[in-house]
Amino acid sequence: MWWLLLPVTTVAGVLLSWPPPVWGTRVVFTVPDMALTHLAVHHETGEVYLGAVNRIYKLSANLTQLRAHTTGPVPDDPRCYPPPGVRLCAHRLSPADNVNKLLLIDYAGNRLVACGSVWQGVCQLLRLEDLAKLGEPHQRKEHYLSGGREPDAMVGVIVEQLREPSQFFVGTSIGGRSEYFPTLSSRRLTPDATSPEMFSLVYQDEFVSSQIKVPSDTLSLYPAFDIYYVSAFVSGGFVYFLTLQLDTAQTPLEPAGGPVGPGTTGGERFFSSKIVRLCANDTEFYSYVEFPLGCSKDGVEYRLVQAAQLAKAGRQLAKSLGIAEGQDVLYAAFSQGQKNRAAPPRESLLCLFTLDEVNQRIRERIQSCYRGEGRLSLPWLLNKELPCINTINGNFCGLVLNQPLGGLQVIEGRPLLQEQTEGMASVAAYTYRGHSVVFIGTRAGNLKKVRCSSWCLVWVELGKNHIHAHQATPTEPVVKKCKSHHWSCGQYDVTACCFLPMKVVPIYLCAFACFQTTRLAEAEASSPMMGRSGLKPGLPAFQLINPVA
């Protein structure tokens, strides 16, 4: 059996495939009374689906609202398990906002998977054409994905199969409730949206299943332990997750009898970024591997991953990296240090990883373990250090042994761009005419456009706060020469593009509104003969700031 891998739709294709706004106009979709949390873009029609608080929206490719579906408020109490729609709850119910936590397009089923925060994280299946509700399974424990209310607590991908139901890989924080929720799982997407098997685990028997749970022993020692999922994608037969989790090796235990008992409840906490990999067709999760991920510049470590985007290497970037054009590369934004996960430092770094290098490190680790070298090195999941077992012999099977497996050495990315004051919050990347282009959203509400090929250009679309040239400093590990150009969009108010530090939603809305103006600036910068008279009527003039070497 072979597999078709379906990644979450990216922003890049829509920016290039669908016509941008008319010159001198600004296309903005706003919802004044609620927050937008997630976005999915149909890769054929360009239609945009937005997840929000108590609403799901369908927009046209030019951001005209077509449909809206109400998901809340819903009578609920977070302590009710099962939810009140299944069994009478002893706690008093009150209207609860339903915060959209995950939004994916299931192309095989022609439907939208929208998971919310109420009723222990149940998901609705909505028809793509009109957002009509096809189903909302909530009768079985497999239907409850996450009890947390944070909008960024869950990520997922859908993997299509030719003659089997699609699989839904989902990672979520659990809020200390490991008895109710797995932190990572693979679930069925049945053709019938009302089937009781919808969202059931792909495989389950008495001993193994398609899920990873945080052990209760880990939570006893480290009550604050959780895994926060930042990004998910598929590539080359594998499913990947980028996560932030408590670093149990660096975070000290509190003595028994502390403020609320043993564990890390009040001490200093350290976090590590990890990349998790699974085989897409591994129903028993024997292939689970995780490696620490990070980046450094000038001796300073950046270990708190904030956002990431998988993209194809453009012709120029691929040449600089010594890889083939079109190979998968990962752009990731990291904040400085390993502390303050909830309020990370503003000092941040955009870094580049090639997936070939990541897979090579994982492959070397697996091979060394099967030679009996070292330990499994996954203490949060195994609660003890187990040795690798030498199984390379004439009777080699290599399935249930030497797993799950953790890496010890950090996989270091190549630093591309340093941001000292605003903090990188979201990333979107694509290839345009052989050039690798990255959009970066900052916590200050600004959007930056970076082109990395044999050299780098950096544009900043300005909101209310002006960004000076020295505050965005390109680095030079991959490229021979880097320069930074900054333009002001004049009357264009980027903050009106609904920029919020919530994954890729604001990246799309802002980039779509300002893409043409940025491209004109690029043309002007590349052509010394093009003066201000080359600007089209109605387009605000650009202010050119001297490049930084």
Protein backbone atom coordinates (compact mmCIF):
# COMPACT_ATOMS: atom_id res chain seq x y z
CA MET A 1 0.00 0.00 0.00
CA TRP A 2 1.34 3.45 -0.87
CA TRP A 3 0.40 6.77 0.59
CA LEU A 4 -0.51 10.24 -0.58
CA LEU A 5 0.61 12.83 1.94
CA LEU A 6 -1.55 15.92 2.27
CA PRO A 7 0.03 18.82 4.15
CA VAL A 8 -1.85 21.73 5.63
CA THR A 9 -2.34 24.32 2.88
CA THR A 10 0.26 27.05 3.01
CA VAL A 11 -0.07 30.75 2.41
CA ALA A 12 2.52 30.86 -0.36
CA GLY A 13 0.50 29.37 -3.19
CA VAL A 14 -2.41 31.70 -2.65
CA LEU A 15 -0.20 34.79 -2.72
CA LEU A 16 1.02 33.86 -6.18
CA SER A 17 -1.98 32.04 -7.66
CA TRP A 18 -4.74 34.53 -6.95
CA PRO A 19 -4.99 38.14 -8.06
CA PRO A 20 -3.90 40.69 -5.48
CA PRO A 21 -5.97 43.78 -4.61
CA VAL A 22 -6.39 46.59 -7.11
CA TRP A 23 -3.67 49.23 -6.94
CA GLY A 24 -4.40 51.86 -4.32
CA THR A 25 -6.91 49.69 -2.43
CA ARG A 26 -6.59 47.76 0.78
CA VAL A 27 -8.31 44.43 1.31
CA VAL A 28 -8.99 43.73 4.96
CA PHE A 29 -11.29 41.30 6.73
CA THR A 30 -11.94 42.19 10.34
CA VAL A 31 -14.13 40.80 13.10
CA PRO A 32 -14.33 43.57 15.70
CA ASP A 33 -15.97 41.61 18.51
CA MET A 34 -13.82 38.47 18.54
CA ALA A 35 -10.34 37.11 17.88
CA LEU A 36 -9.24 35.16 14.81
CA THR A 37 -7.24 32.09 15.73
CA HIS A 38 -6.62 29.81 12.72
CA LEU A 39 -6.68 29.76 8.95
CA ALA A 40 -6.86 27.24 6.12
CA VAL A 41 -6.66 28.05 2.40
CA HIS A 42 -8.07 25.75 -0.27
CA HIS A 43 -5.23 24.96 -2.67
CA GLU A 44 -7.52 24.82 -5.72
CA THR A 45 -10.14 27.54 -5.21
CA GLY A 46 -8.12 29.91 -3.04
CA GLU A 47 -11.08 30.20 -0.68
CA VAL A 48 -10.13 31.08 2.87
CA TYR A 49 -11.52 29.44 6.01
CA LEU A 50 -11.05 31.26 9.30
CA GLY A 51 -11.41 29.90 12.81
CA ALA A 52 -12.47 32.40 15.45
CA VAL A 53 -14.13 32.59 18.84
CA ASN A 54 -17.67 31.20 18.43
CA ARG A 55 -17.47 31.40 14.62
CA ILE A 56 -16.07 29.74 11.51
CA TYR A 57 -15.88 31.95 8.41
CA LYS A 58 -15.59 31.20 4.71
CA LEU A 59 -14.09 33.96 2.56
CA SER A 60 -13.43 34.29 -1.15
CA ALA A 61 -9.88 34.54 -2.44
CA ASN A 62 -10.12 38.35 -2.19
CA LEU A 63 -11.35 38.14 1.44
CA THR A 64 -15.05 38.74 0.79
CA GLN A 65 -17.17 36.95 3.40
CA LEU A 66 -19.23 34.15 1.85
CA ARG A 67 -20.48 32.16 4.85
CA ALA A 68 -20.38 32.09 8.63
CA HIS A 69 -21.07 29.21 10.99
CA THR A 70 -21.81 29.66 14.69
CA THR A 71 -20.03 27.33 17.12
CA GLY A 72 -20.76 29.00 20.47
CA PRO A 73 -21.28 30.06 23.19
CA VAL A 74 -22.11 26.62 24.58
CA PRO A 75 -23.31 25.63 28.09
CA ASP A 76 -20.23 24.03 29.62
CA ASP A 77 -17.87 23.71 32.56
CA PRO A 78 -14.26 22.59 32.01
CA ARG A 79 -14.61 20.12 34.90
CA CYS A 80 -17.40 18.20 33.16
CA TYR A 81 -16.05 14.92 31.79
CA PRO A 82 -17.73 13.48 29.80
CA PRO A 83 -19.23 16.76 28.54
CA PRO A 84 -22.76 17.78 29.56
CA GLY A 85 -24.17 16.68 26.21
CA VAL A 86 -23.36 13.08 27.16
CA ARG A 87 -23.95 12.89 30.90
CA LEU A 88 -25.48 15.14 33.54
CA CYS A 89 -22.70 17.20 35.09
CA ALA A 90 -22.47 17.94 38.82
CA HIS A 91 -21.00 21.38 38.15
CA ARG A 92 -23.03 24.43 37.29
CA LEU A 93 -23.02 25.18 33.58
CA SER A 94 -22.56 28.63 32.12
CA PRO A 95 -22.23 29.96 28.55
CA ALA A 96 -18.66 29.25 27.43
CA ASP A 97 -16.94 30.73 24.40
CA ASN A 98 -15.91 28.11 21.87
CA VAL A 99 -12.37 29.06 20.83
CA ASN A 100 -11.29 27.44 17.58
CA LYS A 101 -8.11 25.44 18.28
CA LEU A 102 -7.60 23.59 15.00
CA LEU A 103 -8.81 24.09 11.44
CA LEU A 104 -7.93 21.64 8.65
CA ILE A 105 -9.32 20.95 5.18
CA ASP A 106 -10.12 17.28 4.56
CA TYR A 107 -9.97 17.23 0.76
CA ALA A 108 -10.94 13.57 0.44
CA GLY A 109 -14.10 14.18 2.45
CA ASN A 110 -14.80 17.65 0.98
CA ARG A 111 -15.17 19.00 4.51
CA LEU A 112 -13.60 21.15 7.17
CA VAL A 113 -12.38 19.75 10.49
CA ALA A 114 -12.91 22.43 13.15
CA CYS A 115 -11.94 21.59 16.73
CA GLY A 116 -12.93 23.87 19.59
CA SER A 117 -12.33 24.44 23.28
CA VAL A 118 -15.72 23.42 24.70
CA TRP A 119 -16.93 19.95 25.67
CA GLN A 120 -13.35 18.69 26.16
CA GLY A 121 -12.24 19.64 22.67
CA VAL A 122 -14.81 18.03 20.37
CA CYS A 123 -14.58 18.68 16.63
CA GLN A 124 -17.20 19.62 14.09
CA LEU A 125 -17.15 18.50 10.47
CA LEU A 126 -18.44 21.21 8.14
CA ARG A 127 -19.23 21.01 4.43
CA LEU A 128 -16.80 23.16 2.45
CA GLU A 129 -19.42 24.69 0.17
CA ASP A 130 -21.72 26.23 2.78
CA LEU A 131 -20.26 25.33 6.23
CA ALA A 132 -23.28 23.16 6.98
CA LYS A 133 -22.58 20.91 9.96
CA LEU A 134 -22.19 17.30 8.85
CA GLY A 135 -21.42 15.91 12.28
CA GLU A 136 -20.08 16.61 15.76
CA PRO A 137 -19.06 13.28 17.36
CA HIS A 138 -19.07 13.59 21.15
CA GLN A 139 -20.30 10.28 22.62
CA ARG A 140 -16.99 8.45 23.13
CA LYS A 141 -13.76 9.32 24.89
CA GLU A 142 -11.91 9.25 21.55
CA HIS A 143 -13.97 12.27 20.54
CA TYR A 144 -12.42 14.46 23.24
CA LEU A 145 -9.11 15.80 21.97
CA SER A 146 -8.07 18.48 24.44
CA GLY A 147 -9.44 20.14 27.56
CA GLY A 148 -7.32 23.29 27.29
CA ARG A 149 -8.83 26.61 26.25
CA GLU A 150 -5.75 28.16 24.66
CA PRO A 151 -6.17 28.81 20.91
CA ASP A 152 -2.65 27.58 20.13
CA ALA A 153 -2.74 24.34 22.12
CA MET A 154 -3.25 21.97 19.18
CA VAL A 155 -1.77 21.26 15.73
CA GLY A 156 -2.50 18.54 13.21
CA VAL A 157 -2.13 17.19 9.68
CA ILE A 158 -4.27 14.95 7.50
CA VAL A 159 -2.69 12.02 5.64
CA GLU A 160 -4.69 10.60 2.74
CA GLN A 161 -4.68 6.93 1.73
CA LEU A 162 -5.82 5.42 -1.54
CA ARG A 163 -8.21 2.73 -0.32
CA GLU A 164 -8.45 3.48 3.39
CA PRO A 165 -9.94 6.34 5.42
CA SER A 166 -7.67 9.34 5.82
CA GLN A 167 -5.66 9.62 9.01
CA PHE A 168 -5.68 12.64 11.28
CA PHE A 169 -2.45 13.16 13.24
CA VAL A 170 -2.97 15.56 16.13
CA GLY A 171 -0.70 16.89 18.87
CA THR A 172 -2.04 18.81 21.86
CA SER A 173 -1.12 20.03 25.30
CA ILE A 174 -3.00 18.17 28.03
CA GLY A 175 -2.99 20.52 31.02
CA GLY A 176 -1.95 17.77 33.43
CA ARG A 177 -4.87 15.48 32.46
CA SER A 178 -3.03 12.54 30.96
CA GLU A 179 -5.78 10.13 32.00
CA TYR A 180 -8.14 11.87 29.57
CA PHE A 181 -6.02 13.04 26.64
CA PRO A 182 -3.05 11.64 24.71
CA THR A 183 -0.51 14.29 23.80
CA LEU A 184 -0.01 12.77 20.34
CA SER A 185 -2.32 10.47 18.40
CA SER A 186 -3.39 9.24 14.98
CA ARG A 187 -7.14 9.03 14.36
CA ARG A 188 -9.54 7.89 11.67
CA LEU A 189 -11.46 10.26 9.42
CA THR A 190 -14.34 8.05 8.31
CA PRO A 191 -16.29 8.91 5.13
CA ASP A 192 -19.48 9.13 7.21
CA ALA A 193 -19.24 12.21 9.43
CA THR A 194 -21.77 10.75 11.87
CA SER A 195 -19.99 7.40 12.31
CA PRO A 196 -19.13 6.52 15.92
CA GLU A 197 -15.71 5.46 14.59
CA MET A 198 -14.91 9.02 13.59
CA PHE A 199 -11.73 10.19 15.42
CA SER A 200 -11.17 6.72 16.87
CA LEU A 201 -7.54 5.66 17.21
CA VAL A 202 -6.16 4.11 14.02
CA TYR A 203 -4.90 1.12 15.99
CA GLN A 204 -5.52 -0.10 19.52
CA ASP A 205 -5.09 -3.40 21.34
CA GLU A 206 -4.37 -4.40 24.90
CA PHE A 207 -0.75 -3.29 24.80
CA VAL A 208 -0.14 -0.70 22.08
CA SER A 209 -2.10 1.96 20.23
CA SER A 210 -1.73 4.92 17.90
CA GLN A 211 -1.05 7.40 20.67
CA ILE A 212 1.54 8.80 23.07
CA LYS A 213 0.47 9.66 26.62
CA VAL A 214 2.40 11.63 29.21
CA PRO A 215 3.01 9.08 32.03
CA SER A 216 1.44 9.84 35.40
CA ASP A 217 4.86 9.28 37.00
CA THR A 218 6.22 12.18 34.98
CA LEU A 219 3.40 14.43 36.16
CA SER A 220 3.99 13.33 39.75
CA LEU A 221 7.61 14.45 39.54
CA TYR A 222 6.97 17.46 37.31
CA PRO A 223 3.37 18.70 37.70
CA ALA A 224 4.10 21.52 35.24
CA PHE A 225 5.21 19.13 32.49
CA ASP A 226 3.39 19.51 29.20
CA ILE A 227 4.14 19.48 25.50
CA TYR A 228 3.19 22.57 23.53
CA TYR A 229 2.82 21.92 19.82
CA VAL A 230 3.93 24.71 17.50
CA SER A 231 3.76 23.24 14.00
CA ALA A 232 3.05 20.02 12.08
CA PHE A 233 3.81 18.97 8.51
CA VAL A 234 4.33 15.92 6.30
CA SER A 235 7.26 15.16 4.01
CA GLY A 236 8.68 12.06 2.35
CA GLY A 237 6.55 9.47 4.13
CA PHE A 238 7.03 11.03 7.57
CA VAL A 239 4.91 13.19 9.86
CA TYR A 240 6.76 15.88 11.82
CA PHE A 241 5.84 17.99 14.84
CA LEU A 242 7.70 20.95 16.32
CA THR A 243 7.17 21.22 20.07
CA LEU A 244 8.17 23.06 23.22
CA GLN A 245 8.35 21.03 26.40
CA LEU A 246 9.66 21.29 29.94
CA ASP A 247 13.33 20.30 30.04
CA THR A 248 13.38 17.83 32.93
CA ALA A 249 17.19 17.57 32.82
CA GLN A 250 17.62 21.28 33.64
CA THR A 251 14.50 22.02 35.69
CA PRO A 252 15.08 21.13 39.36
CA LEU A 253 12.58 19.23 41.45
CA GLU A 254 11.06 20.93 44.47
CA PRO A 255 11.47 18.99 47.70
CA ALA A 256 8.50 17.00 48.94
CA GLY A 257 6.27 19.09 51.16
CA GLY A 258 6.86 22.24 49.12
CA PRO A 259 4.12 24.81 48.45
CA VAL A 260 1.81 22.27 46.82
CA GLY A 261 3.76 19.05 47.16
CA PRO A 262 6.67 17.65 45.15
CA GLY A 263 7.49 18.74 41.66
CA THR A 264 8.35 21.84 39.67
CA THR A 265 5.55 24.08 40.82
CA GLY A 266 7.34 27.22 41.84
CA GLY A 267 11.00 26.93 40.81
CA GLU A 268 12.74 28.15 37.69
CA ARG A 269 11.63 26.26 34.59
CA PHE A 270 13.61 25.55 31.45
CA PHE A 271 12.14 24.50 28.12
CA SER A 272 13.52 22.72 25.07
CA SER A 273 12.36 22.77 21.47
CA LYS A 274 12.00 19.35 19.87
CA ILE A 275 11.34 18.00 16.42
CA VAL A 276 9.27 14.80 16.55
CA ARG A 277 9.14 12.36 13.64
CA LEU A 278 6.84 9.40 12.94
CA CYS A 279 6.45 7.16 9.91
CA ALA A 280 3.13 8.07 8.29
CA ASN A 281 2.12 4.40 8.02
CA ASP A 282 3.23 3.43 11.54
CA THR A 283 -0.03 2.63 13.31
CA GLU A 284 1.69 1.52 16.54
CA PHE A 285 4.03 4.53 16.90
CA TYR A 286 7.13 2.32 17.07
CA SER A 287 8.95 4.88 14.89
CA TYR A 288 8.60 7.74 17.40
CA VAL A 289 11.83 9.78 17.53
CA GLU A 290 12.42 13.23 18.98
CA PHE A 291 15.48 15.48 18.76
CA PRO A 292 16.27 18.82 20.40
CA LEU A 293 16.21 21.70 17.96
CA GLY A 294 17.74 25.15 18.19
CA CYS A 295 19.88 27.90 16.76
CA SER A 296 22.79 30.09 17.87
CA LYS A 297 24.41 33.34 16.87
CA ASP A 298 27.51 35.01 18.34
CA GLY A 299 27.58 32.45 21.13
CA VAL A 300 23.98 33.17 22.20
CA GLU A 301 21.52 30.25 22.15
CA TYR A 302 17.97 30.53 20.85
CA ARG A 303 15.99 27.52 22.06
CA LEU A 304 12.31 28.58 22.25
CA VAL A 305 10.65 27.80 18.91
CA GLN A 306 7.80 30.22 18.14
CA ALA A 307 6.72 29.40 14.59
CA ALA A 308 7.81 27.35 11.60
CA GLN A 309 7.01 26.76 7.94
CA LEU A 310 8.06 24.00 5.56
CA ALA A 311 8.92 25.21 2.05
CA LYS A 312 10.84 24.24 -1.08
CA ALA A 313 14.33 25.59 -1.61
CA GLY A 314 14.49 28.06 -4.47
CA ARG A 315 17.16 27.81 -7.12
CA GLN A 316 19.54 30.35 -5.59
CA LEU A 317 19.13 29.17 -2.00
CA ALA A 318 19.56 25.53 -3.04
CA LYS A 319 22.81 26.43 -4.79
CA SER A 320 24.08 28.20 -1.66
CA LEU A 321 23.19 25.19 0.50
CA GLY A 322 24.56 22.61 -1.91
CA ILE A 323 21.22 20.83 -2.27
CA ALA A 324 18.86 20.19 -5.17
CA GLU A 325 16.32 22.84 -6.08
CA GLY A 326 12.90 22.00 -4.69
CA GLN A 327 14.14 20.05 -1.68
CA ASP A 328 12.29 20.61 1.58
CA VAL A 329 13.68 23.22 3.94
CA LEU A 330 12.27 24.33 7.27
CA TYR A 331 12.19 27.95 8.39
CA ALA A 332 11.79 28.34 12.15
CA ALA A 333 11.70 31.38 14.43
CA PHE A 334 13.27 30.99 17.88
CA SER A 335 13.29 33.25 20.92
CA GLN A 336 16.43 33.65 22.98
CA GLY A 337 17.23 31.33 25.88
CA GLN A 338 15.16 28.53 27.42
CA LYS A 339 12.95 30.35 29.94
CA ASN A 340 9.63 32.21 29.87
CA ARG A 341 7.73 30.02 27.42
CA ALA A 342 4.48 31.94 27.98
CA ALA A 343 6.16 35.34 27.58
CA PRO A 344 9.29 34.68 25.50
CA PRO A 345 12.02 37.29 25.09
CA ARG A 346 11.71 39.70 22.17
CA GLU A 347 15.21 38.80 20.99
CA SER A 348 14.62 36.24 18.26
CA LEU A 349 16.29 34.52 15.34
CA LEU A 350 14.99 33.14 12.05
CA CYS A 351 16.80 29.90 11.21
CA LEU A 352 16.93 27.44 8.35
CA PHE A 353 17.06 23.64 8.48
CA THR A 354 17.26 21.26 5.54
CA LEU A 355 15.07 18.23 6.09
CA ASP A 356 17.77 16.01 4.61
CA GLU A 357 20.12 17.01 7.44
CA VAL A 358 17.42 16.45 10.07
CA ASN A 359 16.65 12.99 8.69
CA GLN A 360 20.34 12.14 8.49
CA ARG A 361 20.78 12.95 12.19
CA ILE A 362 17.76 10.82 13.06
CA ARG A 363 18.98 7.96 10.87
CA GLU A 364 22.43 8.00 12.48
CA ARG A 365 20.85 7.93 15.93
CA ILE A 366 18.64 4.96 15.06
CA GLN A 367 21.53 3.03 13.52
CA SER A 368 23.80 3.63 16.51
CA CYS A 369 21.07 2.50 18.90
CA TYR A 370 20.54 -0.73 16.96
CA ARG A 371 24.26 -1.33 17.30
CA GLY A 372 23.72 -1.23 21.05
CA GLU A 373 25.36 2.16 21.55
CA GLY A 374 24.03 4.50 24.24
CA ARG A 375 20.57 4.74 25.77
CA LEU A 376 17.08 5.55 24.56
CA SER A 377 17.34 8.99 26.23
CA LEU A 378 13.65 9.80 26.56
CA PRO A 379 13.19 10.16 30.33
CA TRP A 380 9.87 12.05 30.26
CA LEU A 381 8.22 9.15 28.42
CA LEU A 382 10.13 6.14 29.80
CA ASN A 383 10.75 7.47 33.36
CA LYS A 384 14.13 5.74 33.36
CA GLU A 385 17.21 5.35 31.21
CA LEU A 386 17.03 2.17 29.13
CA PRO A 387 20.03 0.92 27.15
CA CYS A 388 19.93 0.48 23.40
CA ILE A 389 19.88 -3.21 22.44
CA ASN A 390 22.09 -4.63 19.71
CA THR A 391 19.68 -6.34 17.33
CA ILE A 392 21.72 -6.25 14.14
CA ASN A 393 22.15 -9.98 13.54
CA GLY A 394 20.84 -12.70 11.29
CA ASN A 395 17.43 -12.66 12.96
CA PHE A 396 16.97 -8.86 12.82
CA CYS A 397 13.37 -7.70 13.17
CA GLY A 398 13.74 -4.24 14.67
CA LEU A 399 10.20 -3.17 15.47
CA VAL A 400 9.36 -3.21 19.17
CA LEU A 401 12.93 -2.74 20.42
CA ASN A 402 14.86 0.50 20.86
CA GLN A 403 11.80 2.74 20.85
CA PRO A 404 10.68 5.37 21.58
CA LEU A 405 13.99 7.10 20.95
CA GLY A 406 15.36 10.50 21.90
CA GLY A 407 18.32 12.43 20.54
CA LEU A 408 20.92 14.05 22.77
CA GLN A 409 22.71 16.61 20.60
CA VAL A 410 20.80 19.67 19.43
CA ILE A 411 20.16 19.88 15.69
CA GLU A 412 21.43 23.38 14.94
CA GLY A 413 19.86 25.53 12.25
CA ARG A 414 21.52 28.17 10.09
CA PRO A 415 20.75 31.68 11.39
CA LEU A 416 19.24 33.93 8.70
CA LEU A 417 17.80 37.00 10.39
CA GLN A 418 18.08 38.46 13.88
CA GLU A 419 15.33 40.55 15.49
CA GLN A 420 16.25 42.35 18.71
CA THR A 421 13.17 44.31 19.75
CA GLU A 422 9.87 43.05 18.34
CA GLY A 423 9.90 39.27 18.64
CA MET A 424 9.06 36.95 15.76
CA ALA A 425 5.62 35.38 16.14
CA SER A 426 4.71 33.78 12.80
CA VAL A 427 6.36 32.58 9.60
CA ALA A 428 5.16 31.91 6.04
CA ALA A 429 7.46 30.93 3.18
CA TYR A 430 7.29 30.23 -0.55
CA THR A 431 9.36 30.23 -3.74
CA TYR A 432 8.98 33.01 -6.31
CA ARG A 433 10.88 32.90 -9.61
CA GLY A 434 13.64 30.81 -8.11
CA HIS A 435 13.96 32.95 -4.99
CA SER A 436 13.12 31.78 -1.48
CA VAL A 437 10.87 34.33 0.23
CA VAL A 438 9.80 34.40 3.87
CA PHE A 439 7.20 36.59 5.58
CA ILE A 440 7.72 37.18 9.30
CA GLY A 441 5.04 38.57 11.61
CA THR A 442 6.19 40.27 14.80
CA ARG A 443 4.53 40.77 18.15
CA ALA A 444 4.60 44.52 17.56
CA GLY A 445 2.16 44.10 14.66
CA ASN A 446 4.61 44.49 11.78
CA LEU A 447 5.24 42.29 8.76
CA LYS A 448 8.69 41.63 7.34
CA LYS A 449 9.49 40.15 3.97
CA VAL A 450 12.83 38.38 3.56
CA ARG A 451 14.27 37.13 0.28
CA CYS A 452 17.13 34.67 0.65
CA SER A 453 19.03 33.50 -2.40
CA SER A 454 22.67 34.19 -3.09
CA TRP A 455 22.07 37.31 -0.97
CA CYS A 456 19.28 38.57 1.28
CA LEU A 457 16.90 41.50 1.10
CA VAL A 458 14.68 42.40 4.02
CA TRP A 459 11.57 44.55 3.72
CA VAL A 460 9.49 45.78 6.61
CA GLU A 461 5.88 46.90 6.16
CA LEU A 462 5.42 49.38 8.95
CA GLY A 463 2.49 49.74 11.30
CA LYS A 464 2.26 52.44 13.92
CA ASN A 465 5.73 51.69 15.27
CA HIS A 466 8.65 52.56 13.01
CA ILE A 467 11.36 49.94 12.73
CA HIS A 468 14.86 51.30 12.16
CA ALA A 469 17.27 49.53 9.87
CA HIS A 470 19.63 48.39 12.61
CA GLN A 471 16.87 46.53 14.44
CA ALA A 472 16.60 43.77 11.82
CA THR A 473 20.06 42.41 11.21
CA PRO A 474 20.60 39.72 8.54
CA THR A 475 23.24 37.14 9.39
CA GLU A 476 25.64 35.49 6.96
CA PRO A 477 26.16 31.75 7.52
CA VAL A 478 24.43 30.67 4.31
CA VAL A 479 24.88 33.66 2.04
CA LYS A 480 27.93 35.56 0.92
CA LYS A 481 26.36 39.00 1.13
CA CYS A 482 23.35 40.33 3.03
CA LYS A 483 21.70 43.71 2.78
CA SER A 484 18.62 45.10 4.43
CA HIS A 485 16.14 47.42 2.71
CA HIS A 486 13.23 48.99 4.54
CA TRP A 487 10.22 50.77 3.10
CA SER A 488 7.35 52.58 4.73
CA CYS A 489 3.98 51.78 3.17
CA GLY A 490 2.91 55.40 3.57
CA GLN A 491 -0.86 55.50 4.13
CA TYR A 492 -0.98 51.71 4.21
CA ASP A 493 -1.67 50.76 7.82
CA VAL A 494 -0.42 47.23 8.28
CA THR A 495 -1.92 47.01 11.76
CA ALA A 496 -5.33 47.20 10.08
CA CYS A 497 -4.54 43.93 8.34
CA CYS A 498 -5.63 42.14 11.52
CA PHE A 499 -2.13 41.20 12.57
CA LEU A 500 -2.23 39.09 15.72
CA PRO A 501 0.58 36.84 17.02
CA MET A 502 -1.42 33.69 16.31
CA LYS A 503 0.35 31.37 13.89
CA VAL A 504 -0.15 32.06 10.17
CA VAL A 505 -3.54 33.80 10.17
CA PRO A 506 -2.24 37.37 10.33
CA ILE A 507 0.61 36.50 7.99
CA TYR A 508 -1.87 35.70 5.22
CA LEU A 509 -4.16 38.66 5.77
CA CYS A 510 -1.37 41.21 5.95
CA ALA A 511 0.73 39.71 3.18
CA PHE A 512 -2.23 39.56 0.81
CA ALA A 513 -3.05 43.21 1.37
CA CYS A 514 0.50 44.47 0.92
CA PHE A 515 2.02 41.98 -1.52
CA GLN A 516 1.73 44.12 -4.65
CA THR A 517 3.28 47.17 -3.00
CA THR A 518 6.17 45.08 -1.75
CA ARG A 519 6.73 43.57 -5.18
CA LEU A 520 6.82 47.03 -6.75
CA ALA A 521 9.41 48.07 -4.18
CA GLU A 522 11.45 45.02 -5.14
CA ALA A 523 11.30 46.00 -8.80
CA GLU A 524 12.36 49.55 -7.97
CA ALA A 525 15.25 48.35 -5.84
CA SER A 526 16.51 46.07 -8.61
CA SER A 527 16.30 48.75 -11.30
CA PRO A 528 18.40 51.90 -10.76
CA MET A 529 16.64 53.52 -13.75
CA MET A 530 13.22 53.36 -12.11
CA GLY A 531 12.51 56.54 -10.18
CA ARG A 532 9.50 57.74 -8.23
CA SER A 533 7.72 58.47 -11.49
CA GLY A 534 7.48 54.72 -11.96
CA LEU A 535 4.98 54.41 -9.12
CA LYS A 536 1.44 53.82 -10.29
CA PRO A 537 -1.23 56.43 -9.48
CA GLY A 538 -2.90 55.95 -6.12
CA LEU A 539 -0.04 53.95 -4.64
CA PRO A 540 1.69 55.62 -1.70
CA ALA A 541 5.30 56.54 -2.27
CA PHE A 542 8.04 54.53 -0.60
CA GLN A 543 10.74 55.87 1.65
CA LEU A 544 14.04 54.14 0.96
CA ILE A 545 16.36 53.73 3.96
CA ASN A 546 20.02 53.13 3.30
CA PRO A 547 20.82 49.40 3.35
CA VAL A 548 22.76 47.91 6.22
CA ALA A 549 25.85 45.97 5.16
